[in-house]
N, C-alpha and C. Protein backbone atom coordinates (compact mmCIF):
# COMPACT_ATOMS: atom_id res chain seq x y z
N MET A 1 62.71 128.78 96.46
CA MET A 1 63.32 127.56 95.94
C MET A 1 64.72 127.84 95.38
N LEU A 2 64.83 128.91 94.62
CA LEU A 2 66.12 129.27 94.03
C LEU A 2 67.14 129.58 95.12
N LYS A 3 66.67 130.18 96.21
CA LYS A 3 67.56 130.50 97.33
C LYS A 3 68.11 129.22 97.97
N LYS A 4 67.26 128.19 98.12
CA LYS A 4 67.70 126.91 98.70
C LYS A 4 68.73 126.24 97.80
N VAL A 5 68.48 126.27 96.50
CA VAL A 5 69.42 125.67 95.55
C VAL A 5 70.76 126.40 95.63
N PHE A 6 70.74 127.71 95.71
CA PHE A 6 71.96 128.50 95.81
C PHE A 6 72.73 128.16 97.09
N ILE A 7 72.03 128.02 98.21
CA ILE A 7 72.68 127.70 99.49
C ILE A 7 73.31 126.31 99.45
N ILE A 8 72.59 125.36 98.91
CA ILE A 8 73.12 123.99 98.80
C ILE A 8 74.33 123.96 97.88
N PHE A 9 74.23 124.60 96.73
CA PHE A 9 75.33 124.63 95.77
C PHE A 9 76.56 125.33 96.37
N SER A 10 76.34 126.43 97.07
CA SER A 10 77.44 127.16 97.71
C SER A 10 78.12 126.31 98.78
N SER A 11 77.32 125.55 99.53
CA SER A 11 77.87 124.68 100.57
C SER A 11 78.74 123.58 99.97
N ILE A 12 78.28 123.02 98.86
CA ILE A 12 79.06 121.97 98.20
C ILE A 12 80.39 122.53 97.71
N LEU A 13 80.39 123.72 97.14
CA LEU A 13 81.62 124.33 96.64
C LEU A 13 82.54 124.73 97.78
N ALA A 14 82.00 125.16 98.90
CA ALA A 14 82.81 125.63 100.02
C ALA A 14 83.38 124.48 100.84
N PHE A 15 82.79 123.31 100.78
CA PHE A 15 83.24 122.19 101.60
C PHE A 15 84.72 121.86 101.41
N PRO A 16 85.24 121.79 100.18
CA PRO A 16 86.67 121.49 100.03
C PRO A 16 87.58 122.53 100.68
N ALA A 17 87.14 123.76 100.79
CA ALA A 17 87.97 124.81 101.39
C ALA A 17 88.20 124.55 102.87
N PHE A 18 87.28 123.83 103.52
CA PHE A 18 87.41 123.55 104.94
C PHE A 18 87.97 122.15 105.20
N SER A 19 88.25 121.44 104.16
CA SER A 19 88.79 120.09 104.27
C SER A 19 90.25 120.15 104.67
N LYS A 20 90.72 119.12 105.37
CA LYS A 20 92.13 119.05 105.76
C LYS A 20 92.97 118.40 104.68
N GLU A 21 92.36 117.97 103.59
CA GLU A 21 93.10 117.38 102.48
C GLU A 21 94.00 118.42 101.84
N SER A 22 95.12 117.97 101.35
CA SER A 22 96.05 118.86 100.66
C SER A 22 95.42 119.40 99.39
N LYS A 23 95.64 120.66 99.11
CA LYS A 23 95.11 121.28 97.90
C LYS A 23 96.04 121.04 96.71
N ILE A 24 97.25 120.59 96.98
CA ILE A 24 98.22 120.33 95.91
C ILE A 24 98.02 118.90 95.44
N PRO A 25 97.89 118.70 94.14
CA PRO A 25 97.68 117.34 93.66
C PRO A 25 98.87 116.43 93.93
N LYS A 26 98.58 115.24 94.41
CA LYS A 26 99.63 114.26 94.69
C LYS A 26 100.10 113.63 93.38
N THR A 27 101.35 113.26 93.36
CA THR A 27 101.94 112.60 92.21
C THR A 27 102.94 111.56 92.71
N ASN A 28 103.50 110.81 91.81
CA ASN A 28 104.51 109.81 92.17
C ASN A 28 105.83 110.16 91.52
N THR A 29 106.90 109.80 92.19
CA THR A 29 108.24 109.93 91.61
C THR A 29 109.06 108.73 92.06
N TYR A 30 110.10 108.43 91.32
CA TYR A 30 110.97 107.31 91.67
C TYR A 30 111.89 107.69 92.81
N VAL A 31 112.44 106.68 93.45
CA VAL A 31 113.36 106.87 94.57
C VAL A 31 114.71 106.26 94.19
N PHE A 32 115.78 107.00 94.45
CA PHE A 32 117.09 106.39 94.28
C PHE A 32 117.89 106.53 95.56
N CYS A 33 118.86 105.64 95.70
CA CYS A 33 119.70 105.59 96.89
C CYS A 33 121.10 106.06 96.51
N SER A 34 121.61 106.98 97.27
CA SER A 34 122.92 107.56 96.98
C SER A 34 123.84 107.37 98.19
N PRO A 35 124.94 106.63 98.04
CA PRO A 35 125.87 106.42 99.16
C PRO A 35 126.45 107.74 99.67
N VAL A 36 126.61 107.83 100.98
CA VAL A 36 127.13 109.04 101.60
C VAL A 36 128.53 109.36 101.09
N ASN A 37 129.38 108.36 100.97
CA ASN A 37 130.78 108.58 100.60
C ASN A 37 131.08 108.42 99.11
N ALA A 38 130.12 107.97 98.33
CA ALA A 38 130.36 107.76 96.89
C ALA A 38 129.10 108.16 96.13
N ARG A 39 128.81 109.45 96.12
CA ARG A 39 127.56 109.95 95.57
C ARG A 39 127.34 109.57 94.11
N SER A 40 128.40 109.39 93.35
CA SER A 40 128.24 109.04 91.94
C SER A 40 127.86 107.58 91.74
N SER A 41 127.89 106.78 92.80
CA SER A 41 127.53 105.36 92.71
C SER A 41 126.09 105.12 93.15
N TRP A 42 125.20 105.99 92.73
CA TRP A 42 123.81 105.86 93.14
C TRP A 42 123.15 104.69 92.41
N ARG A 43 121.98 104.27 92.95
CA ARG A 43 121.22 103.19 92.34
C ARG A 43 119.73 103.44 92.56
N TRP A 44 118.91 102.93 91.66
CA TRP A 44 117.47 103.03 91.84
C TRP A 44 117.06 102.11 92.98
N ALA A 45 116.13 102.56 93.82
CA ALA A 45 115.60 101.71 94.88
C ALA A 45 114.64 100.71 94.26
N VAL A 46 114.78 99.45 94.65
CA VAL A 46 113.90 98.40 94.14
C VAL A 46 113.34 97.60 95.32
N ASP A 47 112.13 97.06 95.13
CA ASP A 47 111.52 96.25 96.18
C ASP A 47 111.97 94.79 96.05
N THR A 48 111.37 93.90 96.85
CA THR A 48 111.77 92.49 96.85
C THR A 48 111.46 91.78 95.53
N ASN A 49 110.56 92.34 94.73
CA ASN A 49 110.24 91.77 93.41
C ASN A 49 111.03 92.43 92.29
N ASN A 50 112.01 93.24 92.66
CA ASN A 50 112.87 93.96 91.71
C ASN A 50 112.10 95.03 90.91
N ASN A 51 111.01 95.55 91.49
CA ASN A 51 110.27 96.67 90.89
C ASN A 51 110.80 97.98 91.44
N TYR A 52 110.83 99.00 90.60
CA TYR A 52 111.28 100.31 91.06
C TYR A 52 110.34 100.86 92.13
N VAL A 53 110.92 101.44 93.17
CA VAL A 53 110.14 102.02 94.27
C VAL A 53 109.74 103.43 93.89
N THR A 54 108.47 103.78 94.14
CA THR A 54 108.00 105.15 93.92
C THR A 54 107.51 105.72 95.25
N ALA A 55 107.54 107.02 95.34
CA ALA A 55 107.04 107.74 96.50
C ALA A 55 105.87 108.61 96.06
N THR A 56 104.90 108.77 96.93
CA THR A 56 103.74 109.62 96.65
C THR A 56 103.86 110.91 97.44
N GLY A 57 103.73 112.04 96.74
CA GLY A 57 103.83 113.35 97.38
C GLY A 57 103.61 114.42 96.34
N TYR A 58 104.30 115.54 96.50
CA TYR A 58 104.19 116.62 95.52
C TYR A 58 105.50 117.41 95.48
N TRP A 59 105.77 117.97 94.29
CA TRP A 59 106.95 118.80 94.11
C TRP A 59 106.67 120.20 94.62
N LYS A 60 107.65 120.79 95.29
CA LYS A 60 107.50 122.15 95.83
C LYS A 60 108.76 122.94 95.51
N THR A 61 108.59 124.18 95.11
CA THR A 61 109.72 125.07 94.84
C THR A 61 110.15 125.71 96.15
N VAL A 62 111.45 125.73 96.41
CA VAL A 62 111.98 126.38 97.61
C VAL A 62 113.10 127.33 97.20
N GLU A 63 113.25 128.38 97.96
CA GLU A 63 114.30 129.34 97.68
C GLU A 63 115.54 128.96 98.48
N ARG A 64 116.68 129.07 97.86
CA ARG A 64 117.94 128.80 98.53
C ARG A 64 118.84 130.02 98.41
N GLU A 65 119.93 129.97 99.11
CA GLU A 65 120.88 131.08 99.05
C GLU A 65 121.47 131.18 97.65
N VAL A 66 121.53 132.39 97.12
CA VAL A 66 122.08 132.60 95.78
C VAL A 66 123.59 132.41 95.83
N LYS A 67 124.10 131.62 94.90
CA LYS A 67 125.54 131.41 94.82
C LYS A 67 126.08 132.11 93.59
N ILE A 68 127.18 132.81 93.78
CA ILE A 68 127.85 133.47 92.65
C ILE A 68 129.22 132.82 92.51
N ILE A 69 129.42 132.16 91.38
CA ILE A 69 130.68 131.47 91.12
C ILE A 69 131.29 132.08 89.86
N TYR A 70 132.50 132.58 89.99
CA TYR A 70 133.20 133.23 88.87
C TYR A 70 132.35 134.33 88.23
N GLY A 71 131.65 135.08 89.05
CA GLY A 71 130.86 136.20 88.56
C GLY A 71 129.52 135.83 87.96
N VAL A 72 129.18 134.53 87.96
CA VAL A 72 127.90 134.10 87.39
C VAL A 72 126.94 133.77 88.53
N SER A 73 125.74 134.36 88.48
CA SER A 73 124.73 134.11 89.49
C SER A 73 123.87 132.92 89.06
N TYR A 74 123.71 131.95 89.94
CA TYR A 74 122.92 130.76 89.63
C TYR A 74 121.51 130.90 90.18
N ASP A 75 120.60 130.13 89.61
CA ASP A 75 119.19 130.15 89.99
C ASP A 75 119.03 129.92 91.50
N PRO A 76 118.37 130.84 92.20
CA PRO A 76 118.23 130.69 93.65
C PRO A 76 117.10 129.74 94.06
N PHE A 77 116.45 129.10 93.10
CA PHE A 77 115.34 128.21 93.42
C PHE A 77 115.70 126.77 93.12
N THR A 78 115.17 125.88 93.91
CA THR A 78 115.32 124.45 93.69
C THR A 78 114.01 123.78 94.06
N TYR A 79 113.96 122.48 93.96
CA TYR A 79 112.75 121.75 94.28
C TYR A 79 113.01 120.73 95.37
N VAL A 80 111.97 120.42 96.11
CA VAL A 80 111.97 119.28 97.03
C VAL A 80 110.71 118.49 96.73
N PHE A 81 110.75 117.20 97.02
CA PHE A 81 109.56 116.36 96.87
C PHE A 81 109.03 116.12 98.27
N VAL A 82 107.85 116.66 98.55
CA VAL A 82 107.27 116.63 99.90
C VAL A 82 106.47 115.35 100.09
N ILE A 83 106.79 114.63 101.17
CA ILE A 83 106.10 113.40 101.52
C ILE A 83 105.70 113.44 102.99
N ASN A 84 104.80 112.55 103.41
CA ASN A 84 104.45 112.50 104.83
C ASN A 84 105.39 111.52 105.55
N SER A 85 105.32 111.47 106.86
CA SER A 85 106.27 110.67 107.64
C SER A 85 106.11 109.17 107.41
N SER A 86 104.90 108.69 107.19
CA SER A 86 104.73 107.25 106.94
C SER A 86 105.32 106.86 105.59
N GLU A 87 105.21 107.75 104.61
CA GLU A 87 105.82 107.48 103.31
C GLU A 87 107.35 107.47 103.43
N TYR A 88 107.88 108.38 104.23
CA TYR A 88 109.32 108.42 104.46
C TYR A 88 109.81 107.12 105.08
N LYS A 89 109.10 106.64 106.11
CA LYS A 89 109.49 105.39 106.77
C LYS A 89 109.42 104.21 105.80
N ARG A 90 108.46 104.23 104.89
CA ARG A 90 108.31 103.14 103.94
C ARG A 90 109.48 103.13 102.94
N ILE A 91 109.77 104.29 102.34
CA ILE A 91 110.77 104.29 101.26
C ILE A 91 112.20 104.21 101.76
N ILE A 92 112.45 104.66 102.98
CA ILE A 92 113.84 104.61 103.48
C ILE A 92 114.29 103.16 103.70
N SER A 93 113.33 102.26 103.86
CA SER A 93 113.68 100.86 104.09
C SER A 93 114.29 100.20 102.86
N TYR A 94 114.18 100.82 101.69
CA TYR A 94 114.73 100.26 100.46
C TYR A 94 116.18 100.67 100.20
N CYS A 95 116.71 101.53 101.07
CA CYS A 95 118.10 101.95 100.93
C CYS A 95 118.89 101.46 102.14
N GLU A 96 120.21 101.40 101.98
CA GLU A 96 121.08 100.98 103.08
C GLU A 96 121.22 102.13 104.09
N LYS A 97 121.75 101.79 105.27
CA LYS A 97 121.89 102.79 106.33
C LYS A 97 122.84 103.93 105.96
N ASP A 98 123.82 103.67 105.12
CA ASP A 98 124.78 104.71 104.73
C ASP A 98 124.42 105.36 103.39
N GLU A 99 123.14 105.33 103.03
CA GLU A 99 122.69 105.93 101.77
C GLU A 99 121.61 106.98 102.03
N PHE A 100 121.62 108.02 101.20
CA PHE A 100 120.55 109.01 101.19
C PHE A 100 119.45 108.52 100.27
N ILE A 101 118.21 108.88 100.57
CA ILE A 101 117.13 108.65 99.61
C ILE A 101 116.89 109.97 98.89
N GLN A 102 116.69 109.88 97.58
CA GLN A 102 116.44 111.08 96.80
C GLN A 102 115.38 110.81 95.74
N PRO A 103 114.60 111.84 95.38
CA PRO A 103 113.55 111.68 94.37
C PRO A 103 114.07 111.98 92.97
N ALA A 104 113.49 111.31 91.98
CA ALA A 104 113.85 111.59 90.59
C ALA A 104 112.73 111.10 89.68
N ASP A 105 112.38 111.90 88.69
CA ASP A 105 111.36 111.49 87.72
C ASP A 105 111.96 110.66 86.59
N SER A 106 113.27 110.80 86.36
CA SER A 106 113.91 110.04 85.30
C SER A 106 115.42 109.95 85.57
N PHE A 107 116.09 109.21 84.72
CA PHE A 107 117.54 109.04 84.81
C PHE A 107 118.28 110.37 84.67
N THR A 108 117.70 111.30 83.91
CA THR A 108 118.36 112.58 83.65
C THR A 108 117.92 113.71 84.58
N SER A 109 117.13 113.40 85.60
CA SER A 109 116.67 114.42 86.54
C SER A 109 117.84 115.02 87.30
N SER A 110 117.68 116.26 87.71
CA SER A 110 118.67 116.88 88.59
C SER A 110 118.56 116.25 89.98
N TRP A 111 119.53 116.55 90.83
CA TRP A 111 119.55 115.98 92.18
C TRP A 111 118.74 116.87 93.11
N TYR A 112 117.69 116.30 93.67
CA TYR A 112 116.84 117.01 94.61
C TYR A 112 116.75 116.23 95.91
N ALA A 113 115.98 116.74 96.86
CA ALA A 113 115.85 116.10 98.16
C ALA A 113 114.39 115.85 98.50
N PHE A 114 114.17 114.94 99.43
CA PHE A 114 112.84 114.76 100.00
C PHE A 114 112.67 115.75 101.14
N SER A 115 111.45 116.15 101.38
CA SER A 115 111.11 116.97 102.53
C SER A 115 109.91 116.29 103.20
N VAL A 116 109.99 116.06 104.49
CA VAL A 116 108.90 115.41 105.22
C VAL A 116 108.03 116.49 105.84
N GLU A 117 106.74 116.47 105.46
CA GLU A 117 105.83 117.50 105.97
C GLU A 117 105.51 117.25 107.43
N SER A 118 105.38 118.33 108.19
CA SER A 118 105.04 118.21 109.60
C SER A 118 103.53 118.07 109.75
N ASN A 119 103.12 117.43 110.81
CA ASN A 119 101.69 117.22 111.03
C ASN A 119 101.03 118.43 111.62
């Protein structure tokens, strides 16, 4: 009997390991639109009801090329907000054709990019 309970319990615990669901917890972040030629004139993306648009995905750390400016080495890591392709198609519709979409958790967030995960 104990052996059956152990096998059932082990199967329940192992099931998520074989699942195709993402292991990284999903979260939401706001979307802003930044004009290609006037990056400082960005605006929050809003829907037809004037509500702020959010995207569902997860933050991921990525390594970038280290830049040394005036002898100072800057952090070689940055973040991207990873979304799926359907989420990308949904949120891009809230910005104009000559605007980038970018993720931000608040008004004071640094400038990051979206990354669309491949299937």
